[in-house]
PDB file of N, CA and C in Angstrom:
ATOM      1  N   MET A   1     -93.551 195.604 -71.242  1.00  0.00           N
ATOM      2  CA  MET A   1     -92.885 196.415 -72.099  1.00  0.00           C
ATOM      3  C   MET A   1     -91.774 195.042 -72.662  1.00  0.00           C
ATOM      4  N   PHE A   2     -91.572 194.480 -71.372  1.00  0.00           N
ATOM      5  CA  PHE A   2     -90.384 193.112 -71.682  1.00  0.00           C
ATOM      6  C   PHE A   2     -91.061 192.006 -72.330  1.00  0.00           C
ATOM      7  N   ARG A   3     -92.321 191.741 -71.760  1.00  0.00           N
ATOM      8  CA  ARG A   3     -93.312 190.607 -72.247  1.00  0.00           C
ATOM      9  C   ARG A   3     -93.442 190.911 -73.754  1.00  0.00           C
ATOM     10  N   ASN A   4     -93.697 192.208 -74.254  1.00  0.00           N
ATOM     11  CA  ASN A   4     -93.860 192.391 -75.604  1.00  0.00           C
ATOM     12  C   ASN A   4     -92.770 192.076 -76.517  1.00  0.00           C
ATOM     13  N   ILE A   5     -91.649 192.285 -75.914  1.00  0.00           N
ATOM     14  CA  ILE A   5     -90.528 191.857 -76.677  1.00  0.00           C
ATOM     15  C   ILE A   5     -90.286 190.656 -76.740  1.00  0.00           C
ATOM     16  N   GLN A   6     -90.538 190.077 -75.809  1.00  0.00           N
ATOM     17  CA  GLN A   6     -90.389 188.428 -75.797  1.00  0.00           C
ATOM     18  C   GLN A   6     -91.382 187.963 -76.826  1.00  0.00           C
ATOM     19  N   LEU A   7     -92.439 188.408 -76.722  1.00  0.00           N
ATOM     20  CA  LEU A   7     -93.626 187.922 -77.505  1.00  0.00           C
ATOM     21  C   LEU A   7     -93.321 188.167 -79.228  1.00  0.00           C
ATOM     22  N   THR A   8     -92.517 189.650 -79.513  1.00  0.00           N
ATOM     23  CA  THR A   8     -92.051 189.659 -80.805  1.00  0.00           C
ATOM     24  C   THR A   8     -91.116 188.814 -81.206  1.00  0.00           C
ATOM     25  N   VAL A   9     -90.232 188.676 -80.530  1.00  0.00           N
ATOM     26  CA  VAL A   9     -88.948 187.676 -80.591  1.00  0.00           C
ATOM     27  C   VAL A   9     -89.469 186.338 -80.905  1.00  0.00           C
ATOM     28  N   LEU A  10     -90.408 185.708 -80.062  1.00  0.00           N
ATOM     29  CA  LEU A  10     -91.019 184.647 -80.224  1.00  0.00           C
ATOM     30  C   LEU A  10     -91.689 184.284 -81.651  1.00  0.00           C
ATOM     31  N   ARG A  11     -92.698 185.486 -81.897  1.00  0.00           N
ATOM     32  CA  ARG A  11     -93.297 185.504 -83.270  1.00  0.00           C
ATOM     33  C   ARG A  11     -92.160 185.377 -84.383  1.00  0.00           C
ATOM     34  N   GLY A  12     -91.121 186.009 -84.252  1.00  0.00           N
ATOM     35  CA  GLY A  12     -89.966 185.932 -85.322  1.00  0.00           C
ATOM     36  C   GLY A  12     -89.423 184.715 -85.310  1.00  0.00           C
ATOM     37  N   PHE A  13     -89.278 183.763 -84.306  1.00  0.00           N
ATOM     38  CA  PHE A  13     -88.525 182.639 -84.481  1.00  0.00           C
ATOM     39  C   PHE A  13     -89.797 181.552 -85.240  1.00  0.00           C
ATOM     40  N   MET A  14     -90.888 181.602 -84.841  1.00  0.00           N
ATOM     41  CA  MET A  14     -91.970 181.009 -85.223  1.00  0.00           C
ATOM     42  C   MET A  14     -92.013 181.143 -86.757  1.00  0.00           C
ATOM     43  N   ARG A  15     -91.907 182.227 -87.406  1.00  0.00           N
ATOM     44  CA  ARG A  15     -92.013 182.683 -88.868  1.00  0.00           C
ATOM     45  C   ARG A  15     -90.903 182.342 -89.338  1.00  0.00           C
ATOM     46  N   LEU A  16     -89.505 182.291 -88.843  1.00  0.00           N
ATOM     47  CA  LEU A  16     -88.338 181.772 -89.271  1.00  0.00           C
ATOM     48  C   LEU A  16     -88.700 180.162 -89.416  1.00  0.00           C
ATOM     49  N   GLY A  17     -89.212 179.492 -88.606  1.00  0.00           N
ATOM     50  CA  GLY A  17     -89.235 178.120 -88.464  1.00  0.00           C
ATOM     51  C   GLY A  17     -90.250 177.631 -89.492  1.00  0.00           C
ATOM     52  N   ALA A  18     -91.187 178.558 -90.031  1.00  0.00           N
ATOM     53  CA  ALA A  18     -92.158 178.208 -90.997  1.00  0.00           C
ATOM     54  C   ALA A  18     -91.665 178.589 -92.277  1.00  0.00           C
ATOM     55  N   LEU A  19     -90.741 179.460 -92.297  1.00  0.00           N
ATOM     56  CA  LEU A  19     -90.066 179.705 -93.571  1.00  0.00           C
ATOM     57  C   LEU A  19     -88.927 178.544 -93.757  1.00  0.00           C
ATOM     58  N   ILE A  20     -88.268 178.034 -92.847  1.00  0.00           N
ATOM     59  CA  ILE A  20     -87.422 176.841 -92.985  1.00  0.00           C
ATOM     60  C   ILE A  20     -88.327 175.682 -93.522  1.00  0.00           C
ATOM     61  N   ASN A  21     -89.174 175.250 -92.894  1.00  0.00           N
ATOM     62  CA  ASN A  21     -90.050 174.347 -93.255  1.00  0.00           C
ATOM     63  C   ASN A  21     -90.330 174.571 -94.660  1.00  0.00           C
ATOM     64  N   LEU A  22     -90.868 175.566 -95.172  1.00  0.00           N
ATOM     65  CA  LEU A  22     -91.573 175.848 -96.619  1.00  0.00           C
ATOM     66  C   LEU A  22     -90.169 175.408 -97.390  1.00  0.00           C
ATOM     67  N   LEU A  23     -89.024 176.021 -97.191  1.00  0.00           N
ATOM     68  CA  LEU A  23     -87.781 176.019 -98.182  1.00  0.00           C
ATOM     69  C   LEU A  23     -87.420 174.609 -98.067  1.00  0.00           C
ATOM     70  N   SER A  24     -87.490 174.003 -97.003  1.00  0.00           N
ATOM     71  CA  SER A  24     -87.082 172.559 -97.041  1.00  0.00           C
ATOM     72  C   SER A  24     -88.027 171.503 -97.926  1.00  0.00           C
ATOM     73  N   THR A  25     -89.295 171.954 -97.788  1.00  0.00           N
ATOM     74  CA  THR A  25     -90.425 171.265 -98.728  1.00  0.00           C
ATOM     75  C   THR A  25     -90.120 171.446-100.160  1.00  0.00           C
ATOM     76  N   VAL A  26     -89.714 172.852-100.506  1.00  0.00           N
ATOM     77  CA  VAL A  26     -89.534 173.189-102.080  1.00  0.00           C
ATOM     78  C   VAL A  26     -88.116 172.520-102.370  1.00  0.00           C
ATOM     79  N   VAL A  27     -87.274 172.487-101.502  1.00  0.00           N
ATOM     80  CA  VAL A  27     -86.021 171.726-102.094  1.00  0.00           C
ATOM     81  C   VAL A  27     -86.221 170.341-102.162  1.00  0.00           C
ATOM     82  N   TYR A  28     -86.847 169.720-101.134  1.00  0.00           N
ATOM     83  CA  TYR A  28     -87.134 168.121-101.214  1.00  0.00           C
ATOM     84  C   TYR A  28     -88.083 168.003-102.688  1.00  0.00           C
ATOM     85  N   ALA A  29     -89.188 168.754-102.972  1.00  0.00           N
ATOM     86  CA  ALA A  29     -89.768 168.491-104.200  1.00  0.00           C
ATOM     87  C   ALA A  29     -88.908 168.824-105.533  1.00  0.00           C
ATOM     88  N   MET A  30     -88.086 169.799-105.484  1.00  0.00           N
ATOM     89  CA  MET A  30     -86.979 169.781-106.507  1.00  0.00           C
ATOM     90  C   MET A  30     -86.004 168.760-106.774  1.00  0.00           C
ATOM     91  N   VAL A  31     -85.729 168.064-105.872  1.00  0.00           N
ATOM     92  CA  VAL A  31     -84.739 167.193-106.000  1.00  0.00           C
ATOM     93  C   VAL A  31     -85.471 165.954-106.251  1.00  0.00           C
ATOM     94  N   LEU A  32     -86.882 165.684-105.699  1.00  0.00           N
ATOM     95  CA  LEU A  32     -87.329 164.477-106.100  1.00  0.00           C
ATOM     96  C   LEU A  32     -87.915 164.740-107.578  1.00  0.00           C
ATOM     97  N   ARG A  33     -88.149 165.754-108.113  1.00  0.00           N
ATOM     98  CA  ARG A  33     -88.439 165.985-109.518  1.00  0.00           C
ATOM     99  C   ARG A  33     -87.188 165.646-110.507  1.00  0.00           C
ATOM    100  N   ARG A  34     -86.173 166.151-109.894  1.00  0.00           N
ATOM    101  CA  ARG A  34     -84.911 165.914-110.719  1.00  0.00           C
ATOM    102  C   ARG A  34     -84.524 164.327-110.766  1.00  0.00           C
ATOM    103  N   VAL A  35     -84.780 163.577-109.599  1.00  0.00           N
ATOM    104  CA  VAL A  35     -84.453 162.183-109.550  1.00  0.00           C
ATOM    105  C   VAL A  35     -85.588 161.367-110.589  1.00  0.00           C
ATOM    106  N   THR A  36     -86.879 161.851-110.639  1.00  0.00           N
ATOM    107  CA  THR A  36     -87.872 161.155-111.458  1.00  0.00           C
ATOM    108  C   THR A  36     -87.315 161.231-112.775  1.00  0.00           C
ATOM    109  N   GLU A  37     -87.083 162.580-113.278  1.00  0.00           N
ATOM    110  CA  GLU A  37     -86.958 162.848-114.533  1.00  0.00           C
ATOM    111  C   GLU A  37     -85.484 162.041-114.981  1.00  0.00           C
ATOM    112  N   GLN A  38     -84.744 161.861-114.147  1.00  0.00           N
ATOM    113  CA  GLN A  38     -83.358 161.175-114.492  1.00  0.00           C
ATOM    114  C   GLN A  38     -83.973 159.695-114.574  1.00  0.00           C
ATOM    115  N   ARG A  39     -84.781 159.163-114.058  1.00  0.00           N
ATOM    116  CA  ARG A  39     -85.180 157.837-113.888  1.00  0.00           C
ATOM    117  C   ARG A  39     -85.799 157.818-115.275  1.00  0.00           C
ATOM    118  N   ILE A  40     -86.718 158.513-115.648  1.00  0.00           N
ATOM    119  CA  ILE A  40     -87.606 158.358-116.794  1.00  0.00           C
ATOM    120  C   ILE A  40     -86.708 158.815-117.828  1.00  0.00           C
ATOM    121  N   ASP A  41     -85.690 159.356-117.835  1.00  0.00           N
ATOM    122  CA  ASP A  41     -84.451 159.342-118.884  1.00  0.00           C
ATOM    123  C   ASP A  41     -83.860 158.208-119.125  1.00  0.00           C
ATOM    124  N   LEU A  42     -83.477 157.448-117.963  1.00  0.00           N
ATOM    125  CA  LEU A  42     -82.895 156.434-118.046  1.00  0.00           C
ATOM    126  C   LEU A  42     -83.477 155.380-118.708  1.00  0.00           C
ATOM    127  N   LYS A  43     -84.874 155.114-118.331  1.00  0.00           N
ATOM    128  CA  LYS A  43     -85.692 154.153-118.954  1.00  0.00           C
ATOM    129  C   LYS A  43     -85.771 154.247-120.373  1.00  0.00           C
ATOM    130  N   PHE A  44     -85.942 155.345-120.947  1.00  0.00           N
ATOM    131  CA  PHE A  44     -85.773 155.831-122.332  1.00  0.00           C
ATOM    132  C   PHE A  44     -84.340 155.404-122.946  1.00  0.00           C
ATOM    133  N   LEU A  45     -83.495 155.751-122.368  1.00  0.00           N
ATOM    134  CA  LEU A  45     -82.111 155.345-122.962  1.00  0.00           C
ATOM    135  C   LEU A  45     -81.858 153.703-122.736  1.00  0.00           C
ATOM    136  N   TYR A  46     -82.421 153.120-121.643  1.00  0.00           N
ATOM    137  CA  TYR A  46     -82.331 151.627-121.625  1.00  0.00           C
ATOM    138  C   TYR A  46     -83.189 150.970-122.880  1.00  0.00           C
ATOM    139  N   LYS A  47     -84.142 151.780-123.155  1.00  0.00           N
ATOM    140  CA  LYS A  47     -84.859 151.126-124.453  1.00  0.00           C
ATOM    141  C   LYS A  47     -84.342 151.317-125.666  1.00  0.00           C
ATOM    142  N   LEU A  48     -83.304 151.856-125.777  1.00  0.00           N
ATOM    143  CA  LEU A  48     -82.324 152.164-126.950  1.00  0.00           C
ATOM    144  C   LEU A  48     -81.195 151.081-126.951  1.00  0.00           C
ATOM    145  N   GLY A  49     -81.193 150.495-125.845  1.00  0.00           N
ATOM    146  CA  GLY A  49     -79.981 149.255-125.854  1.00  0.00           C
ATOM    147  C   GLY A  49     -78.602 149.495-125.554  1.00  0.00           C
ATOM    148  N   ASN A  50     -78.355 150.574-124.801  1.00  0.00           N
ATOM    149  CA  ASN A  50     -77.308 150.918-124.308  1.00  0.00           C
ATOM    150  C   ASN A  50     -77.041 150.300-123.093  1.00  0.00           C
ATOM    151  N   SER A  51     -75.733 150.230-122.828  1.00  0.00           N
ATOM    152  CA  SER A  51     -75.427 149.624-121.350  1.00  0.00           C
ATOM    153  C   SER A  51     -75.709 150.742-120.485  1.00  0.00           C
ATOM    154  N   ALA A  52     -75.559 150.271-118.870  1.00  0.00           N
ATOM    155  CA  ALA A  52     -75.983 151.435-117.850  1.00  0.00           C
ATOM    156  C   ALA A  52     -74.856 152.319-118.072  1.00  0.00           C
ATOM    157  N   GLY A  53     -73.500 152.170-118.054  1.00  0.00           N
ATOM    158  CA  GLY A  53     -72.392 153.113-118.220  1.00  0.00           C
ATOM    159  C   GLY A  53     -72.626 153.937-119.223  1.00  0.00           C
ATOM    160  N   GLU A  54     -72.771 153.492-120.357  1.00  0.00           N
ATOM    161  CA  GLU A  54     -72.955 154.443-121.378  1.00  0.00           C
ATOM    162  C   GLU A  54     -74.258 155.309-121.110  1.00  0.00           C
ATOM    163  N   ASN A  55     -75.340 154.954-120.831  1.00  0.00           N
ATOM    164  CA  ASN A  55     -76.573 155.877-120.239  1.00  0.00           C
ATOM    165  C   ASN A  55     -76.315 156.832-119.296  1.00  0.00           C
ATOM    166  N   HIS A  56     -75.395 156.195-118.362  1.00  0.00           N
ATOM    167  CA  HIS A  56     -75.123 157.266-117.264  1.00  0.00           C
ATOM    168  C   HIS A  56     -74.061 158.222-117.674  1.00  0.00           C
ATOM    169  N   ALA A  57     -73.255 158.024-118.521  1.00  0.00           N
ATOM    170  CA  ALA A  57     -72.469 159.017-119.216  1.00  0.00           C
ATOM    171  C   ALA A  57     -73.320 160.104-119.943  1.00  0.00           C
ATOM    172  N   MET A  58     -74.309 159.556-120.671  1.00  0.00           N
ATOM    173  CA  MET A  58     -75.094 160.567-121.287  1.00  0.00           C
ATOM    174  C   MET A  58     -75.852 161.444-120.337  1.00  0.00           C
ATOM    175  N   LEU A  59     -76.339 160.879-119.295  1.00  0.00           N
ATOM    176  CA  LEU A  59     -77.151 161.590-118.248  1.00  0.00           C
ATOM    177  C   LEU A  59     -76.458 162.778-117.736  1.00  0.00           C
ATOM    178  N   LYS A  60     -74.923 162.153-117.405  1.00  0.00           N
ATOM    179  CA  LYS A  60     -74.064 163.223-116.870  1.00  0.00           C
ATOM    180  C   LYS A  60     -73.631 164.352-117.796  1.00  0.00           C
ATOM    181  N   GLN A  61     -73.977 164.137-119.070  1.00  0.00           N
ATOM    182  CA  GLN A  61     -73.639 165.242-119.783  1.00  0.00           C
ATOM    183  C   GLN A  61     -74.902 166.281-119.732  1.00  0.00           C
ATOM    184  N   VAL A  62     -76.054 165.878-119.512  1.00  0.00           N
ATOM    185  CA  VAL A  62     -77.137 166.620-119.447  1.00  0.00           C
ATOM    186  C   VAL A  62     -77.397 167.222-117.891  1.00  0.00           C
ATOM    187  N   SER A  63     -77.112 166.482-117.020  1.00  0.00           N
ATOM    188  CA  SER A  63     -77.238 166.739-115.795  1.00  0.00           C
ATOM    189  C   SER A  63     -76.189 167.195-114.759  1.00  0.00           C
ATOM    190  N   GLY A  64     -74.949 167.035-115.311  1.00  0.00           N
ATOM    191  CA  GLY A  64     -73.852 167.363-114.783  1.00  0.00           C
ATOM    192  C   GLY A  64     -73.413 166.844-113.472  1.00  0.00           C
ATOM    193  N   ASP A  65     -73.115 167.630-112.435  1.00  0.00           N
ATOM    194  CA  ASP A  65     -72.957 167.188-111.173  1.00  0.00           C
ATOM    195  C   ASP A  65     -74.103 166.473-110.535  1.00  0.00           C
ATOM    196  N   HIS A  66     -75.180 166.816-110.910  1.00  0.00           N
ATOM    197  CA  HIS A  66     -76.447 166.393-110.193  1.00  0.00           C
ATOM    198  C   HIS A  66     -76.984 165.080-110.690  1.00  0.00           C
ATOM    199  N   THR A  67     -76.126 164.188-111.243  1.00  0.00           N
ATOM    200  CA  THR A  67     -76.486 162.986-111.958  1.00  0.00           C
ATOM    201  C   THR A  67     -76.498 161.753-110.950  1.00  0.00           C
ATOM    202  N   MET A  68     -77.375 160.919-110.847  1.00  0.00           N
ATOM    203  CA  MET A  68     -77.525 159.817-110.049  1.00  0.00           C
ATOM    204  C   MET A  68     -76.037 159.124-110.129  1.00  0.00           C
ATOM    205  N   THR A  69     -75.556 158.201-109.207  1.00  0.00           N
ATOM    206  CA  THR A  69     -74.561 157.617-109.311  1.00  0.00           C
ATOM    207  C   THR A  69     -74.472 156.508-110.368  1.00  0.00           C
ATOM    208  N   LEU A  70     -73.234 156.080-110.881  1.00  0.00           N
ATOM    209  CA  LEU A  70     -73.402 154.780-111.720  1.00  0.00           C
ATOM    210  C   LEU A  70     -74.050 153.429-110.879  1.00  0.00           C
ATOM    211  N   LYS A  71     -73.708 153.346-109.752  1.00  0.00           N
ATOM    212  CA  LYS A  71     -74.299 152.248-109.051  1.00  0.00           C
ATOM    213  C   LYS A  71     -75.775 152.390-109.097  1.00  0.00           C
ATOM    214  N   ILE A  72     -76.255 153.601-108.754  1.00  0.00           N
ATOM    215  CA  ILE A  72     -77.821 153.654-108.912  1.00  0.00           C
ATOM    216  C   ILE A  72     -78.518 153.499-110.396  1.00  0.00           C
ATOM    217  N   ALA A  73     -77.824 153.890-111.392  1.00  0.00           N
ATOM    218  CA  ALA A  73     -78.205 153.538-112.693  1.00  0.00           C
ATOM    219  C   ALA A  73     -78.095 152.012-113.012  1.00  0.00           C
ATOM    220  N   HIS A  74     -77.204 151.211-112.493  1.00  0.00           N
ATOM    221  CA  HIS A  74     -77.052 149.835-112.454  1.00  0.00           C
ATOM    222  C   HIS A  74     -78.167 149.127-111.836  1.00  0.00           C
ATOM    223  N   ALA A  75     -78.530 149.671-110.641  1.00  0.00           N
ATOM    224  CA  ALA A  75     -79.714 148.989-110.005  1.00  0.00           C
ATOM    225  C   ALA A  75     -81.197 149.213-110.709  1.00  0.00           C
ATOM    226  N   TRP A  76     -81.294 150.593-111.261  1.00  0.00           N
ATOM    227  CA  TRP A  76     -82.350 150.882-112.137  1.00  0.00           C
ATOM    228  C   TRP A  76     -82.326 149.838-113.469  1.00  0.00           C
ATOM    229  N   PHE A  77     -81.202 149.730-114.042  1.00  0.00           N
ATOM    230  CA  PHE A  77     -81.188 148.677-115.035  1.00  0.00           C
ATOM    231  C   PHE A  77     -81.679 147.129-114.713  1.00  0.00           C
ATOM    232  N   LYS A  78     -81.174 147.037-113.616  1.00  0.00           N
ATOM    233  CA  LYS A  78     -81.620 145.579-113.112  1.00  0.00           C
ATOM    234  C   LYS A  78     -83.260 145.540-112.942  1.00  0.00           C
ATOM    235  N   LYS A  79     -83.919 146.706-112.339  1.00  0.00           N
ATOM    236  CA  LYS A  79     -85.353 146.854-111.964  1.00  0.00           C
ATOM    237  C   LYS A  79     -85.779 146.731-113.581  1.00  0.00           C
ATOM    238  N   PHE A  80     -85.347 147.260-114.335  1.00  0.00           N
ATOM    239  CA  PHE A  80     -85.855 147.286-115.895  1.00  0.00           C
ATOM    240  C   PHE A  80     -85.705 145.959-116.449  1.00  0.00           C
ATOM    241  N   ASN A  81     -84.796 145.512-116.263  1.00  0.00           N
ATOM    242  CA  ASN A  81     -84.463 143.965-116.822  1.00  0.00           C
ATOM    243  C   ASN A  81     -85.537 143.131-116.154  1.00  0.00           C
ATOM    244  N   ALA A  82     -85.915 143.282-114.997  1.00  0.00           N
ATOM    245  CA  ALA A  82     -86.981 142.516-113.971  1.00  0.00           C
ATOM    246  C   ALA A  82     -88.398 142.731-114.604  1.00  0.00           C
ATOM    247  N   GLY A  83     -88.454 143.795-115.601  1.00  0.00           N
ATOM    248  CA  GLY A  83     -89.717 144.076-116.000  1.00  0.00           C
ATOM    249  C   GLY A  83     -90.537 145.092-115.357  1.00  0.00           C
ATOM    250  N   LEU A  84     -89.955 146.066-114.693  1.00  0.00           N
ATOM    251  CA  LEU A  84     -90.632 147.289-114.113  1.00  0.00           C
ATOM    252  C   LEU A  84     -90.917 148.041-115.320  1.00  0.00           C
ATOM    253  N   LYS A  85     -92.187 148.454-115.314  1.00  0.00           N
ATOM    254  CA  LYS A  85     -92.749 149.068-116.471  1.00  0.00           C
ATOM    255  C   LYS A  85     -92.429 150.635-116.408  1.00  0.00           C
ATOM    256  N   ALA A  86     -92.709 151.298-115.239  1.00  0.00           N
ATOM    257  CA  ALA A  86     -92.476 152.625-115.157  1.00  0.00           C
ATOM    258  C   ALA A  86     -91.746 152.998-113.859  1.00  0.00           C
ATOM    259  N   PRO A  87     -91.014 154.237-113.863  1.00  0.00           N
ATOM    260  CA  PRO A  87     -90.215 154.602-112.780  1.00  0.00           C
ATOM    261  C   PRO A  87     -91.302 154.881-111.688  1.00  0.00           C
ATOM    262  N   LYS A  88     -91.169 154.480-110.524  1.00  0.00           N
ATOM    263  CA  LYS A  88     -92.122 155.098-109.474  1.00  0.00           C
ATOM    264  C   LYS A  88     -91.246 155.858-108.396  1.00  0.00           C
ATOM    265  N   THR A  89     -91.930 156.663-107.731  1.00  0.00           N
ATOM    266  CA  THR A  89     -91.179 157.347-106.640  1.00  0.00           C
ATOM    267  C   THR A  89     -91.797 157.140-105.466  1.00  0.00           C
ATOM    268  N   SER A  90     -91.276 157.000-104.310  1.00  0.00           N
ATOM    269  CA  SER A  90     -91.892 156.939-103.103  1.00  0.00           C
ATOM    270  C   SER A  90     -91.502 158.443-102.183  1.00  0.00           C
ATOM    271  N   ASN A  91     -92.293 158.374-101.371  1.00  0.00           N
ATOM    272  CA  ASN A  91     -92.356 159.777-100.542  1.00  0.00           C
ATOM    273  C   ASN A  91     -91.274 159.463 -99.483  1.00  0.00           C
ATOM    274  N   HIS A  92     -90.700 158.603 -99.133  1.00  0.00           N
ATOM    275  CA  HIS A  92     -89.955 158.412 -97.766  1.00  0.00           C
ATOM    276  C   HIS A  92     -90.366 159.021 -96.757  1.00  0.00           C
ATOM    277  N   GLY A  93     -91.612 158.696 -96.339  1.00  0.00           N
ATOM    278  CA  GLY A  93     -92.125 159.290 -95.154  1.00  0.00           C
ATOM    279  C   GLY A  93     -92.533 160.441 -94.918  1.00  0.00           C
ATOM    280  N   ARG A  94     -92.591 161.091 -96.039  1.00  0.00           N
ATOM    281  CA  ARG A  94     -93.217 162.507 -96.271  1.00  0.00           C
ATOM    282  C   ARG A  94     -94.675 162.520 -96.967  1.00  0.00           C
TER     283      ARG A  94
END
């Protein structure tokens, strides 16, 4: 009887662990998608000829608190100026 209770609890923890893994994967995918979309938007705005600061302000109007930082926007502008053709994403070990 006690062994059955232990197995039931263990299975519950295993399901909880699987659920946490699934949720973390979904959240990671959502964040990666948002960041990629912002990079693409920034590339579009870059081609219009505005400064990184002006484009960051426009992104902030659209994305609100979830906008990349101005420092990151400047870094992307440097990459665009160096000839980067398309924003690329990396999986950072995933």
